[in-house]
Amino acid sequence: MILNAKCHAIRDTQLLEKQIIRKELHDEERRLDYVMEIDRQNAILMEEEIEKRRKEEKLVGAMKIMEQIEENEKVADGIIYNVVNYSYEHYA
């Protein structure tokens, strides 16, 4: 009888330990899922920030090109004006 009671007590303890381990494993899996989700969201935010910077750099580059085109047009207009003015003065 005592042996039977000891066996049941040991079995009950083992079952309880098994339940505790399962719960701890479940909790750890949930924690890891949460951490992975946070990492995923952070990666998305970083990628969006990188894309935003690329677009801004592209816009800045396009604006610089437009400024250079305008400046080159002004220089070209000045050269044409000088050539026409020189021709008019010397050949008119």
N, C-alpha and C. Protein backbone atom coordinates (compact mmCIF):
# COMPACT_ATOMS: atom_id res chain seq x y z
N MET A 1 0.81 -1.19 0.00
CA MET A 1 0.00 0.00 0.00
C MET A 1 0.85 1.25 0.00
N ILE A 2 1.87 1.30 0.86
CA ILE A 2 2.75 2.47 0.93
C ILE A 2 3.51 2.61 -0.38
N LEU A 3 3.93 1.48 -0.92
CA LEU A 3 4.65 1.50 -2.19
C LEU A 3 3.77 2.05 -3.30
N ASN A 4 2.52 1.67 -3.29
CA ASN A 4 1.56 2.17 -4.28
C ASN A 4 1.37 3.67 -4.13
N ALA A 5 1.28 4.15 -2.91
CA ALA A 5 1.12 5.59 -2.66
C ALA A 5 2.35 6.34 -3.12
N LYS A 6 3.55 5.77 -2.86
CA LYS A 6 4.78 6.41 -3.31
C LYS A 6 4.83 6.49 -4.84
N CYS A 7 4.43 5.41 -5.48
CA CYS A 7 4.42 5.38 -6.95
C CYS A 7 3.49 6.45 -7.51
N HIS A 8 2.29 6.58 -6.91
CA HIS A 8 1.33 7.60 -7.37
C HIS A 8 1.87 9.01 -7.11
N ALA A 9 2.52 9.19 -5.98
CA ALA A 9 3.07 10.51 -5.65
C ALA A 9 4.17 10.87 -6.65
N ILE A 10 5.03 9.90 -6.95
CA ILE A 10 6.11 10.15 -7.92
C ILE A 10 5.52 10.44 -9.30
N ARG A 11 4.52 9.63 -9.68
CA ARG A 11 3.87 9.82 -10.98
C ARG A 11 3.20 11.19 -11.06
N ASP A 12 2.50 11.57 -10.00
CA ASP A 12 1.84 12.88 -9.98
C ASP A 12 2.87 14.01 -10.09
N THR A 13 3.99 13.86 -9.40
CA THR A 13 5.05 14.87 -9.47
C THR A 13 5.61 14.96 -10.89
N GLN A 14 5.82 13.81 -11.50
CA GLN A 14 6.35 13.79 -12.86
C GLN A 14 5.37 14.43 -13.85
N LEU A 15 4.09 14.13 -13.67
CA LEU A 15 3.08 14.74 -14.55
C LEU A 15 3.03 16.25 -14.36
N LEU A 16 3.12 16.68 -13.12
CA LEU A 16 3.13 18.11 -12.84
C LEU A 16 4.36 18.78 -13.47
N GLU A 17 5.52 18.13 -13.33
CA GLU A 17 6.74 18.67 -13.92
C GLU A 17 6.60 18.74 -15.45
N LYS A 18 5.99 17.73 -16.03
CA LYS A 18 5.79 17.70 -17.47
C LYS A 18 4.89 18.86 -17.91
N GLN A 19 3.84 19.12 -17.15
CA GLN A 19 2.95 20.24 -17.46
C GLN A 19 3.69 21.58 -17.35
N ILE A 20 4.51 21.70 -16.31
CA ILE A 20 5.27 22.94 -16.11
C ILE A 20 6.25 23.15 -17.27
N ILE A 21 6.92 22.09 -17.68
CA ILE A 21 7.87 22.18 -18.79
C ILE A 21 7.15 22.57 -20.08
N ARG A 22 5.99 21.94 -20.33
CA ARG A 22 5.20 22.29 -21.52
C ARG A 22 4.81 23.77 -21.51
N LYS A 23 4.36 24.24 -20.35
CA LYS A 23 3.97 25.65 -20.24
C LYS A 23 5.16 26.56 -20.47
N GLU A 24 6.32 26.21 -19.90
CA GLU A 24 7.51 27.03 -20.08
C GLU A 24 7.94 27.05 -21.56
N LEU A 25 7.87 25.89 -22.20
CA LEU A 25 8.20 25.82 -23.63
C LEU A 25 7.24 26.66 -24.46
N HIS A 26 5.97 26.56 -24.13
CA HIS A 26 4.96 27.35 -24.84
C HIS A 26 5.21 28.85 -24.65
N ASP A 27 5.48 29.24 -23.41
CA ASP A 27 5.76 30.65 -23.12
C ASP A 27 7.00 31.13 -23.87
N GLU A 28 8.03 30.29 -23.92
CA GLU A 28 9.26 30.65 -24.63
C GLU A 28 9.01 30.78 -26.13
N GLU A 29 8.20 29.89 -26.68
CA GLU A 29 7.85 29.98 -28.10
C GLU A 29 7.10 31.28 -28.40
N ARG A 30 6.18 31.64 -27.52
CA ARG A 30 5.44 32.89 -27.69
C ARG A 30 6.37 34.09 -27.62
N ARG A 31 7.33 34.04 -26.67
CA ARG A 31 8.29 35.14 -26.53
C ARG A 31 9.15 35.26 -27.79
N LEU A 32 9.62 34.12 -28.29
CA LEU A 32 10.44 34.12 -29.50
C LEU A 32 9.64 34.62 -30.71
N ASP A 33 8.38 34.21 -30.81
CA ASP A 33 7.51 34.71 -31.88
C ASP A 33 7.39 36.22 -31.81
N TYR A 34 7.22 36.73 -30.61
CA TYR A 34 7.10 38.17 -30.42
C TYR A 34 8.38 38.89 -30.84
N VAL A 35 9.52 38.36 -30.41
CA VAL A 35 10.81 38.97 -30.76
C VAL A 35 11.01 38.93 -32.28
N MET A 36 10.67 37.82 -32.90
CA MET A 36 10.82 37.71 -34.35
C MET A 36 9.91 38.69 -35.07
N GLU A 37 8.71 38.88 -34.57
CA GLU A 37 7.78 39.83 -35.18
C GLU A 37 8.31 41.26 -35.06
N ILE A 38 8.85 41.60 -33.91
CA ILE A 38 9.44 42.93 -33.72
C ILE A 38 10.61 43.12 -34.69
N ASP A 39 11.46 42.11 -34.81
CA ASP A 39 12.58 42.18 -35.75
C ASP A 39 12.09 42.35 -37.19
N ARG A 40 11.03 41.63 -37.54
CA ARG A 40 10.48 41.73 -38.89
C ARG A 40 9.96 43.14 -39.15
N GLN A 41 9.23 43.69 -38.19
CA GLN A 41 8.69 45.04 -38.35
C GLN A 41 9.81 46.07 -38.44
N ASN A 42 10.85 45.91 -37.63
CA ASN A 42 12.00 46.82 -37.69
C ASN A 42 12.70 46.73 -39.05
N ALA A 43 12.81 45.53 -39.58
CA ALA A 43 13.44 45.36 -40.89
C ALA A 43 12.61 46.05 -41.97
N ILE A 44 11.30 45.96 -41.87
CA ILE A 44 10.43 46.64 -42.84
C ILE A 44 10.61 48.14 -42.74
N LEU A 45 10.65 48.67 -41.52
CA LEU A 45 10.85 50.11 -41.33
C LEU A 45 12.20 50.56 -41.89
N MET A 46 13.24 49.76 -41.66
CA MET A 46 14.55 50.11 -42.18
C MET A 46 14.55 50.11 -43.70
N GLU A 47 13.91 49.14 -44.29
CA GLU A 47 13.83 49.05 -45.75
C GLU A 47 13.06 50.25 -46.32
N GLU A 48 11.99 50.64 -45.66
CA GLU A 48 11.22 51.80 -46.10
C GLU A 48 12.07 53.07 -46.00
N GLU A 49 12.85 53.19 -44.93
CA GLU A 49 13.72 54.36 -44.76
C GLU A 49 14.79 54.40 -45.84
N ILE A 50 15.36 53.25 -46.16
CA ILE A 50 16.37 53.17 -47.22
C ILE A 50 15.75 53.59 -48.55
N GLU A 51 14.56 53.10 -48.83
CA GLU A 51 13.87 53.45 -50.09
C GLU A 51 13.56 54.94 -50.13
N LYS A 52 13.16 55.49 -49.01
CA LYS A 52 12.86 56.92 -48.93
C LYS A 52 14.11 57.74 -49.24
N ARG A 53 15.24 57.34 -48.64
CA ARG A 53 16.50 58.05 -48.90
C ARG A 53 16.91 57.95 -50.36
N ARG A 54 16.72 56.78 -50.95
CA ARG A 54 17.05 56.61 -52.37
C ARG A 54 16.23 57.57 -53.23
N LYS A 55 14.95 57.66 -52.93
CA LYS A 55 14.09 58.56 -53.69
C LYS A 55 14.53 60.01 -53.52
N GLU A 56 14.87 60.38 -52.27
CA GLU A 56 15.33 61.74 -52.02
C GLU A 56 16.62 62.03 -52.77
N GLU A 57 17.56 61.08 -52.74
CA GLU A 57 18.81 61.26 -53.45
C GLU A 57 18.58 61.36 -54.96
N LYS A 58 17.65 60.58 -55.46
CA LYS A 58 17.32 60.63 -56.87
C LYS A 58 16.74 62.00 -57.24
N LEU A 59 15.87 62.52 -56.38
CA LEU A 59 15.29 63.84 -56.62
C LEU A 59 16.36 64.93 -56.57
N VAL A 60 17.24 64.85 -55.60
CA VAL A 60 18.32 65.84 -55.49
C VAL A 60 19.20 65.78 -56.74
N GLY A 61 19.52 64.58 -57.17
CA GLY A 61 20.33 64.41 -58.38
C GLY A 61 19.64 64.99 -59.60
N ALA A 62 18.34 64.74 -59.72
CA ALA A 62 17.58 65.28 -60.86
C ALA A 62 17.55 66.80 -60.81
N MET A 63 17.40 67.36 -59.61
CA MET A 63 17.38 68.82 -59.48
C MET A 63 18.73 69.41 -59.87
N LYS A 64 19.83 68.75 -59.48
CA LYS A 64 21.15 69.24 -59.85
C LYS A 64 21.34 69.20 -61.36
N ILE A 65 20.88 68.14 -61.98
CA ILE A 65 20.98 68.03 -63.43
C ILE A 65 20.18 69.15 -64.10
N MET A 66 18.99 69.41 -63.60
CA MET A 66 18.17 70.50 -64.16
C MET A 66 18.87 71.85 -63.99
N GLU A 67 19.48 72.07 -62.84
CA GLU A 67 20.22 73.31 -62.61
C GLU A 67 21.39 73.42 -63.58
N GLN A 68 22.09 72.31 -63.81
CA GLN A 68 23.21 72.33 -64.74
C GLN A 68 22.74 72.60 -66.15
N ILE A 69 21.61 72.01 -66.52
CA ILE A 69 21.06 72.26 -67.86
C ILE A 69 20.72 73.74 -68.02
N GLU A 70 20.06 74.31 -67.01
CA GLU A 70 19.71 75.73 -67.07
C GLU A 70 20.95 76.60 -67.16
N GLU A 71 21.97 76.26 -66.37
CA GLU A 71 23.20 77.04 -66.39
C GLU A 71 23.89 76.92 -67.75
N ASN A 72 23.93 75.72 -68.28
CA ASN A 72 24.52 75.51 -69.60
C ASN A 72 23.77 76.28 -70.68
N GLU A 73 22.44 76.33 -70.56
CA GLU A 73 21.64 77.10 -71.51
C GLU A 73 21.96 78.59 -71.41
N LYS A 74 22.14 79.08 -70.18
CA LYS A 74 22.49 80.48 -69.99
C LYS A 74 23.86 80.78 -70.61
N VAL A 75 24.81 79.88 -70.37
CA VAL A 75 26.14 80.06 -70.94
C VAL A 75 26.06 80.03 -72.46
N ALA A 76 25.30 79.05 -72.98
CA ALA A 76 25.16 78.95 -74.44
C ALA A 76 24.49 80.20 -74.99
N ASP A 77 23.46 80.72 -74.33
CA ASP A 77 22.80 81.95 -74.78
C ASP A 77 23.77 83.12 -74.75
N GLY A 78 24.61 83.18 -73.72
CA GLY A 78 25.61 84.24 -73.62
C GLY A 78 26.63 84.13 -74.73
N ILE A 79 27.06 82.92 -75.06
CA ILE A 79 28.02 82.73 -76.15
C ILE A 79 27.39 83.13 -77.47
N ILE A 80 26.16 82.70 -77.70
CA ILE A 80 25.47 83.05 -78.94
C ILE A 80 25.31 84.57 -79.03
N TYR A 81 24.93 85.18 -77.92
CA TYR A 81 24.77 86.63 -77.90
C TYR A 81 26.10 87.31 -78.24
N ASN A 82 27.18 86.83 -77.64
CA ASN A 82 28.49 87.42 -77.92
C ASN A 82 28.90 87.23 -79.36
N VAL A 83 28.63 86.06 -79.93
CA VAL A 83 28.98 85.80 -81.33
C VAL A 83 28.16 86.69 -82.24
N VAL A 84 26.88 86.78 -81.98
CA VAL A 84 26.02 87.63 -82.81
C VAL A 84 26.44 89.09 -82.65
N ASN A 85 26.68 89.51 -81.45
CA ASN A 85 27.08 90.89 -81.19
C ASN A 85 28.43 91.18 -81.86
N TYR A 86 29.38 90.24 -81.76
CA TYR A 86 30.69 90.42 -82.37
C TYR A 86 30.55 90.50 -83.89
N SER A 87 29.73 89.60 -84.45
CA SER A 87 29.53 89.60 -85.89
C SER A 87 28.88 90.89 -86.34
N TYR A 88 27.95 91.34 -85.58
CA TYR A 88 27.25 92.58 -85.94
C TYR A 88 28.20 93.77 -85.89
N GLU A 89 29.02 93.81 -84.88
CA GLU A 89 29.95 94.91 -84.72
C GLU A 89 31.04 94.91 -85.79
N HIS A 90 31.51 93.75 -86.16
CA HIS A 90 32.65 93.68 -87.08
C HIS A 90 32.26 93.52 -88.54
N TYR A 91 31.10 93.05 -88.80
CA TYR A 91 30.73 92.78 -90.18
C TYR A 91 29.56 93.62 -90.63
N ALA A 92 29.06 94.45 -89.80
CA ALA A 92 27.92 95.26 -90.20
C ALA A 92 28.33 96.56 -90.81
